[in-house]
Amino acid sequence: MGRRRKKRKPVRRVVRRIPKVFQCPRCGQMNVTIELNRIDAANSRATIRCGSCELRAELIVPSIFQPVDVYGKFIDYYHSGELEYEVGEEEEAV
């Protein structure tokens, strides 16, 4: 007499996705969003914004760049001091 064969559980593989929201280098919050607007076939304009500290910057990047590539370039420029950026005014609570 033979035993009943055990069923094997399928191995679940976790699919890692590319993030769409990034960490702000100024305030540390996960509120940085990146918008890409195509200028021409070779270049795009990337707008980087932080939702909490109102940090704003614009970069011209190749059109093949994804938001995660733009974020890496933004971080490099931010920490080296080569990037010009704007910071919105904070409202005072009375």
C-alpha atoms as a PDB file:
ATOM      1  CA  MET A   1       0.000   0.000   0.000  1.00  0.00           C
ATOM      2  CA  GLY A   2       1.278   3.405  -0.932  1.00  0.00           C
ATOM      3  CA  ARG A   3       0.900   6.649   0.900  1.00  0.00           C
ATOM      4  CA  ARG A   4      -1.110   9.560  -0.362  1.00  0.00           C
ATOM      5  CA  ARG A   5       1.158  12.098  -2.043  1.00  0.00           C
ATOM      6  CA  LYS A   6       1.540  15.524  -0.331  1.00  0.00           C
ATOM      7  CA  LYS A   7       0.616  18.621  -2.260  1.00  0.00           C
ATOM      8  CA  ARG A   8       3.399  21.146  -2.591  1.00  0.00           C
ATOM      9  CA  LYS A   9       2.618  24.739  -1.733  1.00  0.00           C
ATOM     10  CA  PRO A  10       3.473  27.115  -4.563  1.00  0.00           C
ATOM     11  CA  VAL A  11       6.431  29.376  -3.861  1.00  0.00           C
ATOM     12  CA  ARG A  12       5.299  32.994  -3.886  1.00  0.00           C
ATOM     13  CA  ARG A  13       7.773  35.428  -5.310  1.00  0.00           C
ATOM     14  CA  VAL A  14       7.555  39.007  -4.172  1.00  0.00           C
ATOM     15  CA  VAL A  15       7.577  41.401  -7.095  1.00  0.00           C
ATOM     16  CA  ARG A  16       9.486  44.526  -6.149  1.00  0.00           C
ATOM     17  CA  ARG A  17       8.108  47.657  -7.747  1.00  0.00           C
ATOM     18  CA  ILE A  18       9.867  50.906  -8.530  1.00  0.00           C
ATOM     19  CA  PRO A  19       8.777  53.565  -5.993  1.00  0.00           C
ATOM     20  CA  LYS A  20       6.707  56.587  -7.037  1.00  0.00           C
ATOM     21  CA  VAL A  21       7.185  58.655  -3.866  1.00  0.00           C
ATOM     22  CA  PHE A  22      10.661  59.402  -2.531  1.00  0.00           C
ATOM     23  CA  GLN A  23      12.330  60.775   0.605  1.00  0.00           C
ATOM     24  CA  CYS A  24      13.056  64.493   0.767  1.00  0.00           C
ATOM     25  CA  PRO A  25      16.734  65.334   1.431  1.00  0.00           C
ATOM     26  CA  ARG A  26      15.751  68.532   3.242  1.00  0.00           C
ATOM     27  CA  CYS A  27      13.009  67.436   5.671  1.00  0.00           C
ATOM     28  CA  GLY A  28      13.313  63.619   5.573  1.00  0.00           C
ATOM     29  CA  GLN A  29       9.625  62.975   4.810  1.00  0.00           C
ATOM     30  CA  MET A  30       8.450  60.530   2.129  1.00  0.00           C
ATOM     31  CA  ASN A  31       6.668  63.275   0.149  1.00  0.00           C
ATOM     32  CA  VAL A  32       8.803  63.924  -2.955  1.00  0.00           C
ATOM     33  CA  THR A  33       6.997  63.458  -6.266  1.00  0.00           C
ATOM     34  CA  ILE A  34       8.521  63.752  -9.717  1.00  0.00           C
ATOM     35  CA  GLU A  35       6.718  64.832 -12.880  1.00  0.00           C
ATOM     36  CA  LEU A  36       8.285  64.346 -16.301  1.00  0.00           C
ATOM     37  CA  ASN A  37       7.270  66.598 -19.211  1.00  0.00           C
ATOM     38  CA  ARG A  38       8.721  65.812 -22.606  1.00  0.00           C
ATOM     39  CA  ILE A  39      10.435  68.781 -24.300  1.00  0.00           C
ATOM     40  CA  ASP A  40      11.582  67.063 -27.489  1.00  0.00           C
ATOM     41  CA  ALA A  41      12.628  63.579 -28.593  1.00  0.00           C
ATOM     42  CA  ALA A  42      15.908  63.713 -26.672  1.00  0.00           C
ATOM     43  CA  ASN A  43      15.113  65.652 -23.491  1.00  0.00           C
ATOM     44  CA  SER A  44      12.479  65.956 -20.778  1.00  0.00           C
ATOM     45  CA  ARG A  45      11.880  68.506 -18.035  1.00  0.00           C
ATOM     46  CA  ALA A  46      11.604  66.973 -14.575  1.00  0.00           C
ATOM     47  CA  THR A  47       9.799  68.846 -11.810  1.00  0.00           C
ATOM     48  CA  ILE A  48      10.670  67.672  -8.297  1.00  0.00           C
ATOM     49  CA  ARG A  49       8.364  68.708  -5.420  1.00  0.00           C
ATOM     50  CA  CYS A  50       8.169  67.937  -1.724  1.00  0.00           C
ATOM     51  CA  GLY A  51       4.690  68.040  -0.246  1.00  0.00           C
ATOM     52  CA  SER A  52       5.737  68.886   3.309  1.00  0.00           C
ATOM     53  CA  CYS A  53       8.561  71.445   3.079  1.00  0.00           C
ATOM     54  CA  GLU A  54       7.606  72.911  -0.351  1.00  0.00           C
ATOM     55  CA  LEU A  55      11.017  72.166  -1.890  1.00  0.00           C
ATOM     56  CA  ARG A  56      10.862  72.644  -5.687  1.00  0.00           C
ATOM     57  CA  ALA A  57      13.457  72.038  -8.392  1.00  0.00           C
ATOM     58  CA  GLU A  58      13.580  71.535 -12.135  1.00  0.00           C
ATOM     59  CA  LEU A  59      16.062  69.469 -14.135  1.00  0.00           C
ATOM     60  CA  ILE A  60      16.560  68.782 -17.833  1.00  0.00           C
ATOM     61  CA  VAL A  61      17.141  65.041 -18.240  1.00  0.00           C
ATOM     62  CA  PRO A  62      17.296  62.579 -21.149  1.00  0.00           C
ATOM     63  CA  SER A  63      13.884  61.328 -22.231  1.00  0.00           C
ATOM     64  CA  ILE A  64      14.765  57.725 -21.349  1.00  0.00           C
ATOM     65  CA  PHE A  65      15.027  58.583 -17.632  1.00  0.00           C
ATOM     66  CA  GLN A  66      12.381  57.208 -15.274  1.00  0.00           C
ATOM     67  CA  PRO A  67      11.381  59.054 -12.051  1.00  0.00           C
ATOM     68  CA  VAL A  68      13.770  56.929  -9.979  1.00  0.00           C
ATOM     69  CA  ASP A  69      16.686  57.975 -12.236  1.00  0.00           C
ATOM     70  CA  VAL A  70      15.696  61.635 -11.916  1.00  0.00           C
ATOM     71  CA  TYR A  71      15.562  61.273  -8.117  1.00  0.00           C
ATOM     72  CA  GLY A  72      19.106  59.872  -8.067  1.00  0.00           C
ATOM     73  CA  LYS A  73      20.390  62.766 -10.182  1.00  0.00           C
ATOM     74  CA  PHE A  74      18.470  65.247  -7.978  1.00  0.00           C
ATOM     75  CA  ILE A  75      20.033  63.822  -4.801  1.00  0.00           C
ATOM     76  CA  ASP A  76      23.517  64.007  -6.332  1.00  0.00           C
ATOM     77  CA  TYR A  77      23.045  67.657  -7.341  1.00  0.00           C
ATOM     78  CA  TYR A  78      21.408  68.581  -4.017  1.00  0.00           C
ATOM     79  CA  HIS A  79      24.223  67.199  -1.858  1.00  0.00           C
ATOM     80  CA  SER A  80      26.981  68.614  -4.079  1.00  0.00           C
ATOM     81  CA  GLY A  81      25.410  72.105  -3.976  1.00  0.00           C
ATOM     82  CA  GLU A  82      25.141  72.432  -7.787  1.00  0.00           C
ATOM     83  CA  LEU A  83      21.342  72.602  -7.812  1.00  0.00           C
ATOM     84  CA  GLU A  84      19.246  75.758  -7.620  1.00  0.00           C
ATOM     85  CA  TYR A  85      15.965  75.084  -5.853  1.00  0.00           C
ATOM     86  CA  GLU A  86      13.096  77.021  -4.311  1.00  0.00           C
ATOM     87  CA  VAL A  87      11.583  76.623  -0.871  1.00  0.00           C
ATOM     88  CA  GLY A  88       8.014  77.801  -0.270  1.00  0.00           C
ATOM     89  CA  GLU A  89       7.215  80.100   2.601  1.00  0.00           C
ATOM     90  CA  GLU A  90       5.962  78.410   5.718  1.00  0.00           C
ATOM     91  CA  GLU A  91       2.769  79.826   7.205  1.00  0.00           C
ATOM     92  CA  GLU A  92       2.840  80.855  10.843  1.00  0.00           C
ATOM     93  CA  ALA A  93       0.025  79.651  13.103  1.00  0.00           C
ATOM     94  CA  VAL A  94      -1.429  82.476  15.194  1.00  0.00           C
END
